[in-house]
PDB file of N, CA and C in Angstrom:
ATOM      1  N   MET A   1     125.584  89.840  88.741  1.00  0.00           N
ATOM      2  CA  MET A   1     124.379  90.627  88.706  1.00  0.00           C
ATOM      3  C   MET A   1     124.744  92.057  88.332  1.00  0.00           C
ATOM      4  N   LYS A   2     123.754  92.777  87.885  1.00  0.00           N
ATOM      5  CA  LYS A   2     123.953  94.177  87.554  1.00  0.00           C
ATOM      6  C   LYS A   2     122.759  94.959  88.083  1.00  0.00           C
ATOM      7  N   ALA A   3     123.030  96.080  88.758  1.00  0.00           N
ATOM      8  CA  ALA A   3     121.964  96.914  89.294  1.00  0.00           C
ATOM      9  C   ALA A   3     122.492  98.327  89.498  1.00  0.00           C
ATOM     10  N   LYS A   4     121.569  99.263  89.722  1.00  0.00           N
ATOM     11  CA  LYS A   4     121.918 100.674  89.896  1.00  0.00           C
ATOM     12  C   LYS A   4     122.163 100.983  91.367  1.00  0.00           C
ATOM     13  N   ILE A   5     123.186 101.764  91.658  1.00  0.00           N
ATOM     14  CA  ILE A   5     123.468 102.172  93.034  1.00  0.00           C
ATOM     15  C   ILE A   5     122.612 103.395  93.362  1.00  0.00           C
ATOM     16  N   TRP A   6     122.089 103.450  94.612  1.00  0.00           N
ATOM     17  CA  TRP A   6     121.230 104.552  95.016  1.00  0.00           C
ATOM     18  C   TRP A   6     121.550 104.981  96.434  1.00  0.00           C
ATOM     19  N   LEU A   7     121.161 106.200  96.756  1.00  0.00           N
ATOM     20  CA  LEU A   7     121.420 106.800  98.061  1.00  0.00           C
ATOM     21  C   LEU A   7     120.179 106.700  98.922  1.00  0.00           C
ATOM     22  N   TRP A   8     120.346 106.229 100.165  1.00  0.00           N
ATOM     23  CA  TRP A   8     119.244 106.143 101.106  1.00  0.00           C
ATOM     24  C   TRP A   8     118.736 107.553 101.386  1.00  0.00           C
ATOM     25  N   PRO A   9     117.428 107.777 101.321  1.00  0.00           N
ATOM     26  CA  PRO A   9     116.916 109.134 101.592  1.00  0.00           C
ATOM     27  C   PRO A   9     117.097 109.508 103.058  1.00  0.00           C
ATOM     28  N   GLY A  10     117.384 110.742 103.314  1.00  0.00           N
ATOM     29  CA  GLY A  10     117.564 111.218 104.680  1.00  0.00           C
ATOM     30  C   GLY A  10     118.981 111.680 104.920  1.00  0.00           C
ATOM     31  N   GLU A  11     119.316 111.827 106.189  1.00  0.00           N
ATOM     32  CA  GLU A  11     120.614 112.395 106.558  1.00  0.00           C
ATOM     33  C   GLU A  11     121.782 111.436 106.378  1.00  0.00           C
ATOM     34  N   ALA A  12     121.546 110.153 106.575  1.00  0.00           N
ATOM     35  CA  ALA A  12     122.642 109.182 106.449  1.00  0.00           C
ATOM     36  C   ALA A  12     123.033 109.042 104.979  1.00  0.00           C
ATOM     37  N   ALA A  13     124.308 108.914 104.708  1.00  0.00           N
ATOM     38  CA  ALA A  13     124.798 108.841 103.334  1.00  0.00           C
ATOM     39  C   ALA A  13     125.082 107.398 102.913  1.00  0.00           C
ATOM     40  N   TRP A  14     124.208 106.492 103.276  1.00  0.00           N
ATOM     41  CA  TRP A  14     124.379 105.097 102.894  1.00  0.00           C
ATOM     42  C   TRP A  14     124.003 104.908 101.437  1.00  0.00           C
ATOM     43  N   HIS A  15     124.822 104.196 100.708  1.00  0.00           N
ATOM     44  CA  HIS A  15     124.541 103.855  99.314  1.00  0.00           C
ATOM     45  C   HIS A  15     124.229 102.362  99.241  1.00  0.00           C
ATOM     46  N   PHE A  16     123.250 102.016  98.406  1.00  0.00           N
ATOM     47  CA  PHE A  16     122.803 100.637  98.282  1.00  0.00           C
ATOM     48  C   PHE A  16     122.651 100.241  96.831  1.00  0.00           C
ATOM     49  N   VAL A  17     122.640  98.940  96.607  1.00  0.00           N
ATOM     50  CA  VAL A  17     122.260  98.339  95.345  1.00  0.00           C
ATOM     51  C   VAL A  17     121.103  97.398  95.680  1.00  0.00           C
ATOM     52  N   THR A  18     120.019  97.481  94.922  1.00  0.00           N
ATOM     53  CA  THR A  18     118.911  96.550  95.093  1.00  0.00           C
ATOM     54  C   THR A  18     119.155  95.350  94.184  1.00  0.00           C
ATOM     55  N   LEU A  19     119.182  94.175  94.766  1.00  0.00           N
ATOM     56  CA  LEU A  19     119.379  92.964  93.970  1.00  0.00           C
ATOM     57  C   LEU A  19     118.193  92.778  93.031  1.00  0.00           C
ATOM     58  N   PRO A  20     118.430  92.270  91.832  1.00  0.00           N
ATOM     59  CA  PRO A  20     117.311  91.979  90.932  1.00  0.00           C
ATOM     60  C   PRO A  20     116.296  91.081  91.640  1.00  0.00           C
ATOM     61  N   LYS A  21     115.027  91.315  91.376  1.00  0.00           N
ATOM     62  CA  LYS A  21     113.961  90.613  92.098  1.00  0.00           C
ATOM     63  C   LYS A  21     114.055  89.091  91.950  1.00  0.00           C
ATOM     64  N   LYS A  22     114.356  88.609  90.761  1.00  0.00           N
ATOM     65  CA  LYS A  22     114.454  87.161  90.533  1.00  0.00           C
ATOM     66  C   LYS A  22     115.493  86.538  91.473  1.00  0.00           C
ATOM     67  N   GLU A  23     116.659  87.159  91.572  1.00  0.00           N
ATOM     68  CA  GLU A  23     117.710  86.654  92.454  1.00  0.00           C
ATOM     69  C   GLU A  23     117.308  86.800  93.921  1.00  0.00           C
ATOM     70  N   GLY A  24     116.632  87.898  94.257  1.00  0.00           N
ATOM     71  CA  GLY A  24     116.176  88.102  95.629  1.00  0.00           C
ATOM     72  C   GLY A  24     115.200  87.028  96.068  1.00  0.00           C
ATOM     73  N   ILE A  25     114.280  86.665  95.180  1.00  0.00           N
ATOM     74  CA  ILE A  25     113.317  85.595  95.492  1.00  0.00           C
ATOM     75  C   ILE A  25     114.047  84.270  95.680  1.00  0.00           C
ATOM     76  N   TYR A  26     115.008  83.981  94.815  1.00  0.00           N
ATOM     77  CA  TYR A  26     115.793  82.751  94.951  1.00  0.00           C
ATOM     78  C   TYR A  26     116.523  82.722  96.304  1.00  0.00           C
ATOM     79  N   ILE A  27     117.162  83.830  96.665  1.00  0.00           N
ATOM     80  CA  ILE A  27     117.895  83.894  97.934  1.00  0.00           C
ATOM     81  C   ILE A  27     116.943  83.696  99.102  1.00  0.00           C
ATOM     82  N   LYS A  28     115.793  84.372  99.080  1.00  0.00           N
ATOM     83  CA  LYS A  28     114.833  84.231 100.175  1.00  0.00           C
ATOM     84  C   LYS A  28     114.337  82.797 100.282  1.00  0.00           C
ATOM     85  N   ASP A  29     113.980  82.194  99.142  1.00  0.00           N
ATOM     86  CA  ASP A  29     113.483  80.820  99.153  1.00  0.00           C
ATOM     87  C   ASP A  29     114.552  79.833  99.624  1.00  0.00           C
ATOM     88  N   SER A  30     115.802  80.070  99.246  1.00  0.00           N
ATOM     89  CA  SER A  30     116.892  79.143  99.567  1.00  0.00           C
ATOM     90  C   SER A  30     117.497  79.346 100.941  1.00  0.00           C
ATOM     91  N   PHE A  31     117.587  80.611 101.392  1.00  0.00           N
ATOM     92  CA  PHE A  31     118.331  80.909 102.618  1.00  0.00           C
ATOM     93  C   PHE A  31     117.553  81.723 103.648  1.00  0.00           C
ATOM     94  N   GLY A  32     116.350  82.182 103.313  1.00  0.00           N
ATOM     95  CA  GLY A  32     115.592  83.074 104.192  1.00  0.00           C
ATOM     96  C   GLY A  32     115.371  82.535 105.595  1.00  0.00           C
ATOM     97  N   ALA A  33     115.160  81.233 105.721  1.00  0.00           N
ATOM     98  CA  ALA A  33     114.937  80.634 107.041  1.00  0.00           C
ATOM     99  C   ALA A  33     116.173  80.733 107.926  1.00  0.00           C
ATOM    100  N   LEU A  34     117.329  81.009 107.336  1.00  0.00           N
ATOM    101  CA  LEU A  34     118.584  81.092 108.089  1.00  0.00           C
ATOM    102  C   LEU A  34     118.985  82.534 108.387  1.00  0.00           C
ATOM    103  N   SER A  35     118.093  83.475 108.108  1.00  0.00           N
ATOM    104  CA  SER A  35     118.438  84.890 108.271  1.00  0.00           C
ATOM    105  C   SER A  35     118.689  85.249 109.730  1.00  0.00           C
ATOM    106  N   LYS A  36     119.410  86.346 109.881  1.00  0.00           N
ATOM    107  CA  LYS A  36     119.783  86.842 111.210  1.00  0.00           C
ATOM    108  C   LYS A  36     118.925  88.072 111.527  1.00  0.00           C
ATOM    109  N   GLY A  37     119.410  88.984 112.377  1.00  0.00           N
ATOM    110  CA  GLY A  37     118.674  90.179 112.765  1.00  0.00           C
ATOM    111  C   GLY A  37     118.203  91.003 111.574  1.00  0.00           C
ATOM    112  N   PHE A  38     116.971  91.502 111.652  1.00  0.00           N
ATOM    113  CA  PHE A  38     116.353  92.310 110.598  1.00  0.00           C
ATOM    114  C   PHE A  38     116.218  91.539 109.288  1.00  0.00           C
ATOM    115  N   GLY A  39     116.316  90.208 109.335  1.00  0.00           N
ATOM    116  CA  GLY A  39     116.205  89.388 108.133  1.00  0.00           C
ATOM    117  C   GLY A  39     117.471  89.361 107.303  1.00  0.00           C
ATOM    118  N   SER A  40     118.578  89.824 107.881  1.00  0.00           N
ATOM    119  CA  SER A  40     119.835  89.940 107.134  1.00  0.00           C
ATOM    120  C   SER A  40     120.467  88.577 106.867  1.00  0.00           C
ATOM    121  N   LEU A  41     121.238  88.542 105.786  1.00  0.00           N
ATOM    122  CA  LEU A  41     122.027  87.363 105.442  1.00  0.00           C
ATOM    123  C   LEU A  41     123.463  87.809 105.190  1.00  0.00           C
ATOM    124  N   PRO A  42     124.439  87.135 105.788  1.00  0.00           N
ATOM    125  CA  PRO A  42     125.840  87.498 105.564  1.00  0.00           C
ATOM    126  C   PRO A  42     126.284  87.096 104.159  1.00  0.00           C
ATOM    127  N   VAL A  43     127.032  87.997 103.504  1.00  0.00           N
ATOM    128  CA  VAL A  43     127.493  87.743 102.137  1.00  0.00           C
ATOM    129  C   VAL A  43     128.935  88.175 101.947  1.00  0.00           C
ATOM    130  N   LYS A  44     129.551  87.597 100.923  1.00  0.00           N
ATOM    131  CA  LYS A  44     130.829  88.089 100.395  1.00  0.00           C
ATOM    132  C   LYS A  44     130.474  88.765  99.086  1.00  0.00           C
ATOM    133  N   VAL A  45     131.029  89.946  98.854  1.00  0.00           N
ATOM    134  CA  VAL A  45     130.701  90.732  97.668  1.00  0.00           C
ATOM    135  C   VAL A  45     131.968  91.020  96.877  1.00  0.00           C
ATOM    136  N   ILE A  46     131.848  90.990  95.562  1.00  0.00           N
ATOM    137  CA  ILE A  46     132.949  91.393  94.688  1.00  0.00           C
ATOM    138  C   ILE A  46     132.398  92.406  93.688  1.00  0.00           C
ATOM    139  N   ILE A  47     133.009  93.589  93.676  1.00  0.00           N
ATOM    140  CA  ILE A  47     132.748  94.610  92.669  1.00  0.00           C
ATOM    141  C   ILE A  47     134.103  94.973  92.098  1.00  0.00           C
ATOM    142  N   GLY A  48     134.278  94.752  90.821  1.00  0.00           N
ATOM    143  CA  GLY A  48     135.572  95.040  90.192  1.00  0.00           C
ATOM    144  C   GLY A  48     136.663  94.223  90.849  1.00  0.00           C
ATOM    145  N   GLU A  49     137.680  94.911  91.356  1.00  0.00           N
ATOM    146  CA  GLU A  49     138.806  94.257  92.030  1.00  0.00           C
ATOM    147  C   GLU A  49     138.642  94.221  93.551  1.00  0.00           C
ATOM    148  N   THR A  50     137.506  94.709  94.045  1.00  0.00           N
ATOM    149  CA  THR A  50     137.292  94.841  95.489  1.00  0.00           C
ATOM    150  C   THR A  50     136.368  93.760  96.012  1.00  0.00           C
ATOM    151  N   GLU A  51     136.802  93.114  97.099  1.00  0.00           N
ATOM    152  CA  GLU A  51     136.028  92.056  97.748  1.00  0.00           C
ATOM    153  C   GLU A  51     135.884  92.407  99.217  1.00  0.00           C
ATOM    154  N   TRP A  52     134.699  92.220  99.774  1.00  0.00           N
ATOM    155  CA  TRP A  52     134.500  92.479 101.199  1.00  0.00           C
ATOM    156  C   TRP A  52     133.330  91.654 101.709  1.00  0.00           C
ATOM    157  N   LYS A  53     133.206  91.595 103.038  1.00  0.00           N
ATOM    158  CA  LYS A  53     132.118  90.877 103.692  1.00  0.00           C
ATOM    159  C   LYS A  53     131.151  91.897 104.281  1.00  0.00           C
ATOM    160  N   THR A  54     129.872  91.633 104.135  1.00  0.00           N
ATOM    161  CA  THR A  54     128.820  92.488 104.660  1.00  0.00           C
ATOM    162  C   THR A  54     127.566  91.649 104.787  1.00  0.00           C
ATOM    163  N   SER A  55     126.410  92.270 104.848  1.00  0.00           N
ATOM    164  CA  SER A  55     125.132  91.559 104.864  1.00  0.00           C
ATOM    165  C   SER A  55     124.188  92.216 103.876  1.00  0.00           C
ATOM    166  N   ILE A  56     123.253  91.431 103.365  1.00  0.00           N
ATOM    167  CA  ILE A  56     122.158  91.976 102.575  1.00  0.00           C
ATOM    168  C   ILE A  56     120.921  91.989 103.464  1.00  0.00           C
ATOM    169  N   PHE A  57     119.990  92.889 103.158  1.00  0.00           N
ATOM    170  CA  PHE A  57     118.814  93.074 103.988  1.00  0.00           C
ATOM    171  C   PHE A  57     117.556  93.017 103.128  1.00  0.00           C
ATOM    172  N   PRO A  58     116.494  92.361 103.630  1.00  0.00           N
ATOM    173  CA  PRO A  58     115.260  92.313 102.847  1.00  0.00           C
ATOM    174  C   PRO A  58     114.673  93.719 102.695  1.00  0.00           C
ATOM    175  N   ASP A  59     114.058  93.966 101.540  1.00  0.00           N
ATOM    176  CA  ASP A  59     113.467  95.269 101.240  1.00  0.00           C
ATOM    177  C   ASP A  59     112.038  95.048 100.759  1.00  0.00           C
ATOM    178  N   LYS A  60     111.064  95.448 101.575  1.00  0.00           N
ATOM    179  CA  LYS A  60     109.657  95.233 101.228  1.00  0.00           C
ATOM    180  C   LYS A  60     109.265  95.986  99.961  1.00  0.00           C
ATOM    181  N   LYS A  61     109.809  97.179  99.784  1.00  0.00           N
ATOM    182  CA  LYS A  61     109.440  98.002  98.632  1.00  0.00           C
ATOM    183  C   LYS A  61     109.757  97.305  97.300  1.00  0.00           C
ATOM    184  N   SER A  62     110.947  96.713  97.207  1.00  0.00           N
ATOM    185  CA  SER A  62     111.369  96.074  95.953  1.00  0.00           C
ATOM    186  C   SER A  62     111.006  94.592  95.895  1.00  0.00           C
ATOM    187  N   GLY A  63     110.733  93.991  97.050  1.00  0.00           N
ATOM    188  CA  GLY A  63     110.487  92.562  97.103  1.00  0.00           C
ATOM    189  C   GLY A  63     111.754  91.749  96.938  1.00  0.00           C
ATOM    190  N   SER A  64     112.902  92.391  97.178  1.00  0.00           N
ATOM    191  CA  SER A  64     114.197  91.734  97.025  1.00  0.00           C
ATOM    192  C   SER A  64     115.057  92.035  98.247  1.00  0.00           C
ATOM    193  N   TYR A  65     116.346  92.148  98.043  1.00  0.00           N
ATOM    194  CA  TYR A  65     117.301  92.493  99.092  1.00  0.00           C
ATOM    195  C   TYR A  65     118.093  93.724  98.655  1.00  0.00           C
ATOM    196  N   VAL A  66     118.576  94.465  99.650  1.00  0.00           N
ATOM    197  CA  VAL A  66     119.472  95.581  99.361  1.00  0.00           C
ATOM    198  C   VAL A  66     120.854  95.271  99.915  1.00  0.00           C
ATOM    199  N   LEU A  67     121.848  95.729  99.172  1.00  0.00           N
ATOM    200  CA  LEU A  67     123.251  95.523  99.504  1.00  0.00           C
ATOM    201  C   LEU A  67     123.890  96.872  99.782  1.00  0.00           C
ATOM    202  N   PRO A  68     124.373  97.119 101.011  1.00  0.00           N
ATOM    203  CA  PRO A  68     125.080  98.377 101.278  1.00  0.00           C
ATOM    204  C   PRO A  68     126.455  98.353 100.611  1.00  0.00           C
ATOM    205  N   VAL A  69     126.845  99.487 100.026  1.00  0.00           N
ATOM    206  CA  VAL A  69     128.145  99.592  99.362  1.00  0.00           C
ATOM    207  C   VAL A  69     128.954 100.669 100.093  1.00  0.00           C
ATOM    208  N   LYS A  70     130.023 100.237 100.755  1.00  0.00           N
ATOM    209  CA  LYS A  70     130.858 101.110 101.579  1.00  0.00           C
ATOM    210  C   LYS A  70     131.503 102.234 100.773  1.00  0.00           C
ATOM    211  N   ALA A  71     131.752 103.347 101.451  1.00  0.00           N
ATOM    212  CA  ALA A  71     132.382 104.509 100.811  1.00  0.00           C
ATOM    213  C   ALA A  71     133.744 104.152 100.216  1.00  0.00           C
ATOM    214  N   ASN A  72     134.550 103.366 100.949  1.00  0.00           N
ATOM    215  CA  ASN A  72     135.877 103.040 100.422  1.00  0.00           C
ATOM    216  C   ASN A  72     135.792 102.171  99.169  1.00  0.00           C
ATOM    217  N   VAL A  73     134.771 101.339  99.061  1.00  0.00           N
ATOM    218  CA  VAL A  73     134.573 100.527  97.851  1.00  0.00           C
ATOM    219  C   VAL A  73     134.163 101.437  96.701  1.00  0.00           C
ATOM    220  N   ARG A  74     133.218 102.338  96.958  1.00  0.00           N
ATOM    221  CA  ARG A  74     132.770 103.266  95.903  1.00  0.00           C
ATOM    222  C   ARG A  74     133.937 104.103  95.395  1.00  0.00           C
ATOM    223  N   LYS A  75     134.778 104.563  96.311  1.00  0.00           N
ATOM    224  CA  LYS A  75     135.922 105.387  95.918  1.00  0.00           C
ATOM    225  C   LYS A  75     136.919 104.567  95.089  1.00  0.00           C
ATOM    226  N   LYS A  76     137.271 103.395  95.592  1.00  0.00           N
ATOM    227  CA  LYS A  76     138.259 102.546  94.913  1.00  0.00           C
ATOM    228  C   LYS A  76     137.800 102.141  93.517  1.00  0.00           C
ATOM    229  N   GLU A  77     136.496 101.869  93.370  1.00  0.00           N
ATOM    230  CA  GLU A  77     135.959 101.392  92.099  1.00  0.00           C
ATOM    231  C   GLU A  77     135.371 102.517  91.240  1.00  0.00           C
ATOM    232  N   GLY A  78     135.429 103.768  91.751  1.00  0.00           N
ATOM    233  CA  GLY A  78     134.929 104.899  90.975  1.00  0.00           C
ATOM    234  C   GLY A  78     133.426 104.874  90.764  1.00  0.00           C
ATOM    235  N   ILE A  79     132.687 104.463  91.790  1.00  0.00           N
ATOM    236  CA  ILE A  79     131.233 104.324  91.704  1.00  0.00           C
ATOM    237  C   ILE A  79     130.562 105.537  92.338  1.00  0.00           C
ATOM    238  N   LYS A  80     129.535 106.049  91.663  1.00  0.00           N
ATOM    239  CA  LYS A  80     128.754 107.146  92.233  1.00  0.00           C
ATOM    240  C   LYS A  80     127.266 106.830  92.103  1.00  0.00           C
ATOM    241  N   GLU A  81     126.438 107.568  92.824  1.00  0.00           N
ATOM    242  CA  GLU A  81     125.000 107.365  92.791  1.00  0.00           C
ATOM    243  C   GLU A  81     124.490 107.398  91.353  1.00  0.00           C
ATOM    244  N   GLY A  82     123.630 106.449  91.027  1.00  0.00           N
ATOM    245  CA  GLY A  82     123.052 106.371  89.696  1.00  0.00           C
ATOM    246  C   GLY A  82     123.806 105.472  88.737  1.00  0.00           C
ATOM    247  N   ASP A  83     125.040 105.089  89.095  1.00  0.00           N
ATOM    248  CA  ASP A  83     125.818 104.186  88.243  1.00  0.00           C
ATOM    249  C   ASP A  83     125.218 102.783  88.262  1.00  0.00           C
ATOM    250  N   ASN A  84     125.316 102.091  87.146  1.00  0.00           N
ATOM    251  CA  ASN A  84     125.005 100.671  87.111  1.00  0.00           C
ATOM    252  C   ASN A  84     126.257  99.919  87.540  1.00  0.00           C
ATOM    253  N   VAL A  85     126.090  98.982  88.443  1.00  0.00           N
ATOM    254  CA  VAL A  85     127.217  98.259  89.025  1.00  0.00           C
ATOM    255  C   VAL A  85     127.072  96.766  88.741  1.00  0.00           C
ATOM    256  N   VAL A  86     128.138  96.157  88.265  1.00  0.00           N
ATOM    257  CA  VAL A  86     128.177  94.705  88.104  1.00  0.00           C
ATOM    258  C   VAL A  86     128.825  94.144  89.368  1.00  0.00           C
ATOM    259  N   PHE A  87     128.179  93.165  89.976  1.00  0.00           N
ATOM    260  CA  PHE A  87     128.684  92.635  91.239  1.00  0.00           C
ATOM    261  C   PHE A  87     128.375  91.155  91.355  1.00  0.00           C
ATOM    262  N   ARG A  88     129.068  90.527  92.281  1.00  0.00           N
ATOM    263  CA  ARG A  88     128.855  89.113  92.593  1.00  0.00           C
ATOM    264  C   ARG A  88     128.688  88.998  94.098  1.00  0.00           C
ATOM    265  N   ILE A  89     127.715  88.231  94.536  1.00  0.00           N
ATOM    266  CA  ILE A  89     127.564  87.972  95.974  1.00  0.00           C
ATOM    267  C   ILE A  89     127.517  86.471  96.200  1.00  0.00           C
ATOM    268  N   GLU A  90     128.018  86.090  97.356  1.00  0.00           N
ATOM    269  CA  GLU A  90     127.943  84.704  97.814  1.00  0.00           C
ATOM    270  C   GLU A  90     127.435  84.730  99.245  1.00  0.00           C
ATOM    271  N   ILE A  91     126.412  83.932  99.521  1.00  0.00           N
ATOM    272  CA  ILE A  91     125.911  83.802 100.895  1.00  0.00           C
ATOM    273  C   ILE A  91     127.009  83.081 101.678  1.00  0.00           C
ATOM    274  N   ARG A  92     127.280  83.542 102.918  1.00  0.00           N
ATOM    275  CA  ARG A  92     128.374  82.961 103.699  1.00  0.00           C
ATOM    276  C   ARG A  92     127.982  82.743 105.156  1.00  0.00           C
ATOM    277  N   ASP A  93     128.754  81.947 105.840  1.00  0.00           N
ATOM    278  CA  ASP A  93     128.695  81.782 107.307  1.00  0.00           C
ATOM    279  C   ASP A  93     127.293  81.572 107.869  1.00  0.00           C
ATOM    280  N   ILE A  94     126.473  80.774 107.217  1.00  0.00           N
ATOM    281  CA  ILE A  94     125.140  80.583 107.776  1.00  0.00           C
ATOM    282  C   ILE A  94     124.888  79.146 108.228  1.00  0.00           C
ATOM    283  N   PHE A  95     125.823  78.281 107.972  1.00  0.00           N
ATOM    284  CA  PHE A  95     125.595  76.865 108.343  1.00  0.00           C
ATOM    285  C   PHE A  95     126.357  76.511 109.587  1.00  0.00           C
TER     286      PHE A  95
END
């Protein structure tokens, strides 16, 4: 997938990528019933050479999911706010 990285408004410096809506709908339809707290789903993410485990969260505004991108990943991969990021996610640990 490919999407733009953005900064959460406010004091916290969390950076996110919004999953494309088509993929978000597929994930919700396929795995939404298995979601955890706040509707989250555990995922494995790969950006460039970096792989890590986190969760995606439903986002009413976009109708998809948002993926938090850790500071150490952004630094290692040279990612900054506004960049388009190519990434891969796999839903994990839900069965």
